[in-house]
């Protein structure tokens, strides 16, 4: 019985570590729809996505910053890391 608890914790922590999000998808969304905040919505940052949408990508500045951060891997999904990277 004790072994089941340990095994369940390992599976839960593994699932939390990988969000199932692709860095390539995030990059493509950022390039084509980043000014509308779609990349932030995809990565799980809903409030920031709304702010980015309202400001049209922070008047272009936030759009460029997010693009660079996704390419370098500094902008990760909210609930873990990318399951597929560039």
PDB file of N, CA and C in Angstrom:
ATOM      1  N   UNK A   1       0.827  -1.192   0.000  1.00  0.00           N
ATOM      2  CA  UNK A   1       0.000   0.000   0.000  1.00  0.00           C
ATOM      3  C   UNK A   1       0.867   1.250   0.000  1.00  0.00           C
ATOM      4  N   UNK A   2       1.934   1.237   0.737  1.00  0.00           N
ATOM      5  CA  UNK A   2       2.824   2.388   0.809  1.00  0.00           C
ATOM      6  C   UNK A   2       3.497   2.646  -0.536  1.00  0.00           C
ATOM      7  N   UNK A   3       3.816   1.609  -1.287  1.00  0.00           N
ATOM      8  CA  UNK A   3       4.456   1.756  -2.590  1.00  0.00           C
ATOM      9  C   UNK A   3       3.553   2.490  -3.577  1.00  0.00           C
ATOM     10  N   UNK A   4       2.245   2.286  -3.498  1.00  0.00           N
ATOM     11  CA  UNK A   4       1.307   2.967  -4.397  1.00  0.00           C
ATOM     12  C   UNK A   4       1.348   4.474  -4.211  1.00  0.00           C
ATOM     13  N   UNK A   5       1.473   4.923  -2.984  1.00  0.00           N
ATOM     14  CA  UNK A   5       1.522   6.353  -2.714  1.00  0.00           C
ATOM     15  C   UNK A   5       2.771   6.977  -3.320  1.00  0.00           C
ATOM     16  N   UNK A   6       3.899   6.322  -3.188  1.00  0.00           N
ATOM     17  CA  UNK A   6       5.148   6.823  -3.753  1.00  0.00           C
ATOM     18  C   UNK A   6       5.053   6.853  -5.273  1.00  0.00           C
ATOM     19  N   UNK A   7       4.528   5.815  -5.869  1.00  0.00           N
ATOM     20  CA  UNK A   7       4.391   5.738  -7.319  1.00  0.00           C
ATOM     21  C   UNK A   7       3.454   6.823  -7.841  1.00  0.00           C
ATOM     22  N   UNK A   8       2.376   7.086  -7.131  1.00  0.00           N
ATOM     23  CA  UNK A   8       1.413   8.101  -7.552  1.00  0.00           C
ATOM     24  C   UNK A   8       2.056   9.484  -7.516  1.00  0.00           C
ATOM     25  N   UNK A   9       2.859   9.789  -6.526  1.00  0.00           N
ATOM     26  CA  UNK A   9       3.528  11.080  -6.432  1.00  0.00           C
ATOM     27  C   UNK A   9       4.484  11.283  -7.595  1.00  0.00           C
ATOM     28  N   UNK A  10       5.206  10.252  -7.985  1.00  0.00           N
ATOM     29  CA  UNK A  10       6.140  10.364  -9.100  1.00  0.00           C
ATOM     30  C   UNK A  10       5.412  10.677 -10.398  1.00  0.00           C
ATOM     31  N   UNK A  11       4.298  10.021 -10.633  1.00  0.00           N
ATOM     32  CA  UNK A  11       3.517  10.252 -11.844  1.00  0.00           C
ATOM     33  C   UNK A  11       2.939  11.662 -11.838  1.00  0.00           C
ATOM     34  N   UNK A  12       2.433  12.114 -10.694  1.00  0.00           N
ATOM     35  CA  UNK A  12       1.857  13.447 -10.590  1.00  0.00           C
ATOM     36  C   UNK A  12       2.911  14.519 -10.842  1.00  0.00           C
ATOM     37  N   UNK A  13       4.095  14.369 -10.260  1.00  0.00           N
ATOM     38  CA  UNK A  13       5.134  15.382 -10.456  1.00  0.00           C
ATOM     39  C   UNK A  13       5.640  15.367 -11.892  1.00  0.00           C
ATOM     40  N   UNK A  14       5.675  14.212 -12.526  1.00  0.00           N
ATOM     41  CA  UNK A  14       6.084  14.131 -13.939  1.00  0.00           C
ATOM     42  C   UNK A  14       5.080  14.861 -14.813  1.00  0.00           C
ATOM     43  N   UNK A  15       3.788  14.686 -14.531  1.00  0.00           N
ATOM     44  CA  UNK A  15       2.750  15.349 -15.322  1.00  0.00           C
ATOM     45  C   UNK A  15       2.794  16.855 -15.134  1.00  0.00           C
ATOM     46  N   UNK A  16       3.125  17.314 -13.947  1.00  0.00           N
ATOM     47  CA  UNK A  16       3.194  18.752 -13.695  1.00  0.00           C
ATOM     48  C   UNK A  16       4.415  19.377 -14.353  1.00  0.00           C
ATOM     49  N   UNK A  17       5.471  18.601 -14.528  1.00  0.00           N
ATOM     50  CA  UNK A  17       6.703  19.134 -15.107  1.00  0.00           C
ATOM     51  C   UNK A  17       6.571  19.391 -16.602  1.00  0.00           C
ATOM     52  N   UNK A  18       5.736  18.649 -17.290  1.00  0.00           N
ATOM     53  CA  UNK A  18       5.574  18.803 -18.736  1.00  0.00           C
ATOM     54  C   UNK A  18       4.150  19.234 -19.051  1.00  0.00           C
ATOM     55  N   UNK A  19       4.031  20.365 -19.707  1.00  0.00           N
ATOM     56  CA  UNK A  19       2.718  20.937 -19.948  1.00  0.00           C
ATOM     57  C   UNK A  19       2.067  20.428 -21.221  1.00  0.00           C
ATOM     58  N   UNK A  20       2.828  19.760 -22.086  1.00  0.00           N
ATOM     59  CA  UNK A  20       2.288  19.327 -23.357  1.00  0.00           C
ATOM     60  C   UNK A  20       2.294  20.427 -24.395  1.00  0.00           C
ATOM     61  N   UNK A  21       2.945  21.531 -24.093  1.00  0.00           N
ATOM     62  CA  UNK A  21       3.016  22.664 -25.009  1.00  0.00           C
ATOM     63  C   UNK A  21       4.300  22.578 -25.833  1.00  0.00           C
ATOM     64  N   UNK A  22       4.195  22.976 -27.076  1.00  0.00           N
ATOM     65  CA  UNK A  22       5.338  22.947 -27.977  1.00  0.00           C
ATOM     66  C   UNK A  22       5.924  24.348 -28.123  1.00  0.00           C
ATOM     67  N   UNK A  23       7.241  24.448 -28.036  1.00  0.00           N
ATOM     68  CA  UNK A  23       7.917  25.728 -28.217  1.00  0.00           C
ATOM     69  C   UNK A  23       7.762  26.217 -29.657  1.00  0.00           C
ATOM     70  N   UNK A  24       7.739  25.284 -30.598  1.00  0.00           N
ATOM     71  CA  UNK A  24       7.554  25.646 -32.007  1.00  0.00           C
ATOM     72  C   UNK A  24       6.176  26.260 -32.231  1.00  0.00           C
ATOM     73  N   UNK A  25       5.151  25.666 -31.642  1.00  0.00           N
ATOM     74  CA  UNK A  25       3.801  26.214 -31.757  1.00  0.00           C
ATOM     75  C   UNK A  25       3.724  27.596 -31.123  1.00  0.00           C
ATOM     76  N   UNK A  26       4.330  27.732 -29.945  1.00  0.00           N
ATOM     77  CA  UNK A  26       4.341  29.033 -29.271  1.00  0.00           C
ATOM     78  C   UNK A  26       5.046  30.077 -30.130  1.00  0.00           C
ATOM     79  N   UNK A  27       6.139  29.685 -30.781  1.00  0.00           N
ATOM     80  CA  UNK A  27       6.879  30.610 -31.637  1.00  0.00           C
ATOM     81  C   UNK A  27       6.041  31.029 -32.847  1.00  0.00           C
ATOM     82  N   UNK A  28       5.395  30.075 -33.488  1.00  0.00           N
ATOM     83  CA  UNK A  28       4.562  30.396 -34.649  1.00  0.00           C
ATOM     84  C   UNK A  28       3.375  31.282 -34.265  1.00  0.00           C
ATOM     85  N   UNK A  29       2.764  30.990 -33.130  1.00  0.00           N
ATOM     86  CA  UNK A  29       1.666  31.837 -32.663  1.00  0.00           C
ATOM     87  C   UNK A  29       2.167  33.240 -32.346  1.00  0.00           C
ATOM     88  N   UNK A  30       3.355  33.321 -31.783  1.00  0.00           N
ATOM     89  CA  UNK A  30       3.926  34.624 -31.461  1.00  0.00           C
ATOM     90  C   UNK A  30       4.236  35.426 -32.716  1.00  0.00           C
ATOM     91  N   UNK A  31       4.764  34.767 -33.732  1.00  0.00           N
ATOM     92  CA  UNK A  31       5.104  35.467 -34.980  1.00  0.00           C
ATOM     93  C   UNK A  31       3.849  35.997 -35.664  1.00  0.00           C
ATOM     94  N   UNK A  32       2.843  35.147 -35.818  1.00  0.00           N
ATOM     95  CA  UNK A  32       1.682  35.513 -36.613  1.00  0.00           C
ATOM     96  C   UNK A  32       0.556  36.188 -35.826  1.00  0.00           C
ATOM     97  N   UNK A  33       0.388  35.828 -34.554  1.00  0.00           N
ATOM     98  CA  UNK A  33      -0.724  36.372 -33.771  1.00  0.00           C
ATOM     99  C   UNK A  33      -0.275  36.960 -32.436  1.00  0.00           C
ATOM    100  N   UNK A  34       1.019  37.186 -32.288  1.00  0.00           N
ATOM    101  CA  UNK A  34       1.559  37.696 -31.026  1.00  0.00           C
ATOM    102  C   UNK A  34       1.053  39.071 -30.658  1.00  0.00           C
ATOM    103  N   UNK A  35       0.770  39.892 -31.640  1.00  0.00           N
ATOM    104  CA  UNK A  35       0.238  41.222 -31.362  1.00  0.00           C
ATOM    105  C   UNK A  35      -1.138  41.185 -30.736  1.00  0.00           C
ATOM    106  N   UNK A  36      -1.817  40.060 -30.870  1.00  0.00           N
ATOM    107  CA  UNK A  36      -3.150  39.892 -30.276  1.00  0.00           C
ATOM    108  C   UNK A  36      -3.111  39.090 -28.973  1.00  0.00           C
ATOM    109  N   UNK A  37      -1.917  38.703 -28.533  1.00  0.00           N
ATOM    110  CA  UNK A  37      -1.776  37.995 -27.263  1.00  0.00           C
ATOM    111  C   UNK A  37      -2.049  36.516 -27.320  1.00  0.00           C
ATOM    112  N   UNK A  38      -2.216  35.964 -28.504  1.00  0.00           N
ATOM    113  CA  UNK A  38      -2.559  34.543 -28.626  1.00  0.00           C
ATOM    114  C   UNK A  38      -1.456  33.650 -28.056  1.00  0.00           C
ATOM    115  N   UNK A  39      -0.197  34.059 -28.194  1.00  0.00           N
ATOM    116  CA  UNK A  39       0.904  33.277 -27.639  1.00  0.00           C
ATOM    117  C   UNK A  39       0.811  33.178 -26.123  1.00  0.00           C
ATOM    118  N   UNK A  40       0.442  34.259 -25.466  1.00  0.00           N
ATOM    119  CA  UNK A  40       0.284  34.251 -24.008  1.00  0.00           C
ATOM    120  C   UNK A  40      -0.899  33.389 -23.582  1.00  0.00           C
ATOM    121  N   UNK A  41      -1.997  33.437 -24.344  1.00  0.00           N
ATOM    122  CA  UNK A  41      -3.134  32.565 -24.050  1.00  0.00           C
ATOM    123  C   UNK A  41      -2.715  31.106 -24.164  1.00  0.00           C
ATOM    124  N   UNK A  42      -1.972  30.758 -25.205  1.00  0.00           N
ATOM    125  CA  UNK A  42      -1.523  29.387 -25.437  1.00  0.00           C
ATOM    126  C   UNK A  42      -0.645  28.890 -24.284  1.00  0.00           C
ATOM    127  N   UNK A  43       0.204  29.762 -23.766  1.00  0.00           N
ATOM    128  CA  UNK A  43       1.119  29.373 -22.697  1.00  0.00           C
ATOM    129  C   UNK A  43       0.473  29.403 -21.315  1.00  0.00           C
ATOM    130  N   UNK A  44      -0.793  29.829 -21.236  1.00  0.00           N
ATOM    131  CA  UNK A  44      -1.527  29.777 -19.977  1.00  0.00           C
ATOM    132  C   UNK A  44      -1.564  31.078 -19.205  1.00  0.00           C
ATOM    133  N   UNK A  45      -1.070  32.157 -19.756  1.00  0.00           N
ATOM    134  CA  UNK A  45      -1.070  33.456 -19.100  1.00  0.00           C
ATOM    135  C   UNK A  45      -2.252  34.277 -19.621  1.00  0.00           C
ATOM    136  N   UNK A  46      -3.440  33.966 -19.129  1.00  0.00           N
ATOM    137  CA  UNK A  46      -4.663  34.561 -19.651  1.00  0.00           C
ATOM    138  C   UNK A  46      -4.728  36.067 -19.423  1.00  0.00           C
ATOM    139  N   UNK A  47      -4.440  36.520 -18.216  1.00  0.00           N
ATOM    140  CA  UNK A  47      -4.518  37.950 -17.918  1.00  0.00           C
ATOM    141  C   UNK A  47      -3.524  38.742 -18.768  1.00  0.00           C
ATOM    142  N   UNK A  48      -2.307  38.238 -18.890  1.00  0.00           N
ATOM    143  CA  UNK A  48      -1.314  38.912 -19.723  1.00  0.00           C
ATOM    144  C   UNK A  48      -1.713  38.871 -21.193  1.00  0.00           C
ATOM    145  N   UNK A  49      -2.382  37.809 -21.611  1.00  0.00           N
ATOM    146  CA  UNK A  49      -2.888  37.731 -22.977  1.00  0.00           C
ATOM    147  C   UNK A  49      -3.925  38.799 -23.255  1.00  0.00           C
ATOM    148  N   UNK A  50      -4.801  39.028 -22.283  1.00  0.00           N
ATOM    149  CA  UNK A  50      -5.818  40.071 -22.434  1.00  0.00           C
ATOM    150  C   UNK A  50      -5.160  41.449 -22.493  1.00  0.00           C
ATOM    151  N   UNK A  51      -4.193  41.691 -21.619  1.00  0.00           N
ATOM    152  CA  UNK A  51      -3.490  42.979 -21.631  1.00  0.00           C
ATOM    153  C   UNK A  51      -2.744  43.195 -22.947  1.00  0.00           C
ATOM    154  N   UNK A  52      -2.131  42.143 -23.428  1.00  0.00           N
ATOM    155  CA  UNK A  52      -1.416  42.249 -24.698  1.00  0.00           C
ATOM    156  C   UNK A  52      -2.387  42.490 -25.844  1.00  0.00           C
ATOM    157  N   UNK A  53      -3.554  41.889 -25.787  1.00  0.00           N
ATOM    158  CA  UNK A  53      -4.586  42.098 -26.803  1.00  0.00           C
ATOM    159  C   UNK A  53      -5.078  43.545 -26.795  1.00  0.00           C
ATOM    160  N   UNK A  54      -5.343  44.067 -25.604  1.00  0.00           N
ATOM    161  CA  UNK A  54      -5.858  45.433 -25.481  1.00  0.00           C
ATOM    162  C   UNK A  54      -4.842  46.459 -25.985  1.00  0.00           C
ATOM    163  N   UNK A  55      -3.549  46.214 -25.710  1.00  0.00           N
ATOM    164  CA  UNK A  55      -2.508  47.180 -26.102  1.00  0.00           C
ATOM    165  C   UNK A  55      -1.908  46.868 -27.468  1.00  0.00           C
ATOM    166  N   UNK A  56      -2.474  45.873 -28.160  1.00  0.00           N
ATOM    167  CA  UNK A  56      -1.951  45.429 -29.465  1.00  0.00           C
ATOM    168  C   UNK A  56      -0.458  45.103 -29.400  1.00  0.00           C
ATOM    169  N   UNK A  57      -0.145  44.215 -28.466  1.00  0.00           N
ATOM    170  CA  UNK A  57       1.242  43.765 -28.323  1.00  0.00           C
ATOM    171  C   UNK A  57       2.122  44.788 -27.651  1.00  0.00           C
ATOM    172  N   UNK A  58       1.538  45.574 -26.742  1.00  0.00           N
ATOM    173  CA  UNK A  58       2.333  46.592 -26.060  1.00  0.00           C
ATOM    174  C   UNK A  58       2.890  47.593 -27.046  1.00  0.00           C
ATOM    175  N   UNK A  59       2.059  47.944 -28.050  1.00  0.00           N
ATOM    176  CA  UNK A  59       2.439  48.872 -29.126  1.00  0.00           C
ATOM    177  C   UNK A  59       3.649  48.364 -29.903  1.00  0.00           C
ATOM    178  N   UNK A  60       3.765  47.038 -29.981  1.00  0.00           N
ATOM    179  CA  UNK A  60       4.828  46.404 -30.761  1.00  0.00           C
ATOM    180  C   UNK A  60       6.052  46.030 -29.948  1.00  0.00           C
ATOM    181  N   UNK A  61       6.250  46.676 -28.821  1.00  0.00           N
ATOM    182  CA  UNK A  61       7.444  46.404 -28.005  1.00  0.00           C
ATOM    183  C   UNK A  61       7.312  45.063 -27.295  1.00  0.00           C
ATOM    184  N   UNK A  62       6.175  44.831 -26.654  1.00  0.00           N
ATOM    185  CA  UNK A  62       5.921  43.586 -25.937  1.00  0.00           C
ATOM    186  C   UNK A  62       5.943  42.405 -26.907  1.00  0.00           C
ATOM    187  N   UNK A  63       5.452  42.643 -28.106  1.00  0.00           N
ATOM    188  CA  UNK A  63       5.456  41.614 -29.156  1.00  0.00           C
ATOM    189  C   UNK A  63       6.880  41.137 -29.428  1.00  0.00           C
ATOM    190  N   UNK A  64       7.809  42.060 -29.594  1.00  0.00           N
ATOM    191  CA  UNK A  64       9.205  41.721 -29.895  1.00  0.00           C
ATOM    192  C   UNK A  64       9.871  41.043 -28.696  1.00  0.00           C
ATOM    193  N   UNK A  65       9.609  41.546 -27.500  1.00  0.00           N
ATOM    194  CA  UNK A  65      10.192  40.953 -26.292  1.00  0.00           C
ATOM    195  C   UNK A  65       9.736  39.506 -26.130  1.00  0.00           C
ATOM    196  N   UNK A  66       8.430  39.245 -26.297  1.00  0.00           N
ATOM    197  CA  UNK A  66       7.915  37.877 -26.184  1.00  0.00           C
ATOM    198  C   UNK A  66       8.495  36.970 -27.268  1.00  0.00           C
ATOM    199  N   UNK A  67       8.654  37.493 -28.450  1.00  0.00           N
ATOM    200  CA  UNK A  67       9.230  36.718 -29.548  1.00  0.00           C
ATOM    201  C   UNK A  67      10.642  36.250 -29.198  1.00  0.00           C
ATOM    202  N   UNK A  68      11.447  37.160 -28.699  1.00  0.00           N
ATOM    203  CA  UNK A  68      12.825  36.824 -28.299  1.00  0.00           C
ATOM    204  C   UNK A  68      12.827  35.852 -27.119  1.00  0.00           C
ATOM    205  N   UNK A  69      11.935  36.074 -26.148  1.00  0.00           N
ATOM    206  CA  UNK A  69      11.889  35.201 -24.975  1.00  0.00           C
ATOM    207  C   UNK A  69      11.459  33.779 -25.329  1.00  0.00           C
ATOM    208  N   UNK A  70      10.574  33.628 -26.297  1.00  0.00           N
ATOM    209  CA  UNK A  70      10.160  32.285 -26.716  1.00  0.00           C
ATOM    210  C   UNK A  70      11.300  31.596 -27.460  1.00  0.00           C
ATOM    211  N   UNK A  71      11.992  32.332 -28.323  1.00  0.00           N
ATOM    212  CA  UNK A  71      13.113  31.742 -29.064  1.00  0.00           C
ATOM    213  C   UNK A  71      14.213  31.276 -28.117  1.00  0.00           C
ATOM    214  N   UNK A  72      14.533  32.082 -27.109  1.00  0.00           N
ATOM    215  CA  UNK A  72      15.596  31.720 -26.172  1.00  0.00           C
ATOM    216  C   UNK A  72      15.148  30.717 -25.117  1.00  0.00           C
ATOM    217  N   UNK A  73      13.841  30.493 -25.007  1.00  0.00           N
ATOM    218  CA  UNK A  73      13.326  29.538 -24.017  1.00  0.00           C
ATOM    219  C   UNK A  73      13.094  30.150 -22.653  1.00  0.00           C
ATOM    220  N   UNK A  74      13.202  31.478 -22.539  1.00  0.00           N
ATOM    221  CA  UNK A  74      12.983  32.147 -21.257  1.00  0.00           C
ATOM    222  C   UNK A  74      11.512  32.254 -20.895  1.00  0.00           C
ATOM    223  N   UNK A  75      10.627  32.213 -21.870  1.00  0.00           N
ATOM    224  CA  UNK A  75       9.186  32.261 -21.615  1.00  0.00           C
ATOM    225  C   UNK A  75       8.648  30.836 -21.706  1.00  0.00           C
ATOM    226  N   UNK A  76       8.367  30.254 -20.545  1.00  0.00           N
ATOM    227  CA  UNK A  76       7.904  28.877 -20.443  1.00  0.00           C
ATOM    228  C   UNK A  76       6.397  28.858 -20.197  1.00  0.00           C
ATOM    229  N   UNK A  77       5.732  27.738 -20.471  1.00  0.00           N
ATOM    230  CA  UNK A  77       4.312  27.618 -20.125  1.00  0.00           C
ATOM    231  C   UNK A  77       4.103  27.797 -18.627  1.00  0.00           C
ATOM    232  N   UNK A  78       2.959  28.287 -18.251  1.00  0.00           N
ATOM    233  CA  UNK A  78       2.673  28.594 -16.851  1.00  0.00           C
ATOM    234  C   UNK A  78       2.724  27.360 -15.959  1.00  0.00           C
ATOM    235  N   UNK A  79       2.291  26.222 -16.448  1.00  0.00           N
ATOM    236  CA  UNK A  79       2.194  25.025 -15.605  1.00  0.00           C
ATOM    237  C   UNK A  79       3.287  23.997 -15.882  1.00  0.00           C
ATOM    238  N   UNK A  80       4.452  24.416 -16.259  1.00  0.00           N
ATOM    239  CA  UNK A  80       5.549  23.480 -16.481  1.00  0.00           C
ATOM    240  C   UNK A  80       6.504  23.963 -17.541  1.00  0.00           C
ATOM    241  N   UNK A  81       7.108  23.028 -18.216  1.00  0.00           N
ATOM    242  CA  UNK A  81       8.056  23.377 -19.273  1.00  0.00           C
ATOM    243  C   UNK A  81       7.549  22.806 -20.601  1.00  0.00           C
ATOM    244  N   UNK A  82       8.217  23.183 -21.677  1.00  0.00           N
ATOM    245  CA  UNK A  82       7.809  22.702 -22.985  1.00  0.00           C
ATOM    246  C   UNK A  82       8.031  21.195 -23.092  1.00  0.00           C
ATOM    247  N   UNK A  83       7.093  20.510 -23.724  1.00  0.00           N
ATOM    248  CA  UNK A  83       7.288  19.084 -23.976  1.00  0.00           C
ATOM    249  C   UNK A  83       8.113  18.889 -25.256  1.00  0.00           C
ATOM    250  N   UNK A  84       8.036  19.860 -26.171  1.00  0.00           N
ATOM    251  CA  UNK A  84       8.835  19.829 -27.399  1.00  0.00           C
ATOM    252  C   UNK A  84       9.513  21.168 -27.561  1.00  0.00           C
ATOM    253  N   UNK A  85      10.822  21.156 -27.745  1.00  0.00           N
ATOM    254  CA  UNK A  85      11.557  22.401 -27.912  1.00  0.00           C
ATOM    255  C   UNK A  85      12.058  22.535 -29.349  1.00  0.00           C
ATOM    256  N   UNK A  86      12.599  23.711 -29.660  1.00  0.00           N
ATOM    257  CA  UNK A  86      13.099  23.977 -31.006  1.00  0.00           C
ATOM    258  C   UNK A  86      14.273  23.099 -31.366  1.00  0.00           C
TER     259      UNK A  86
END
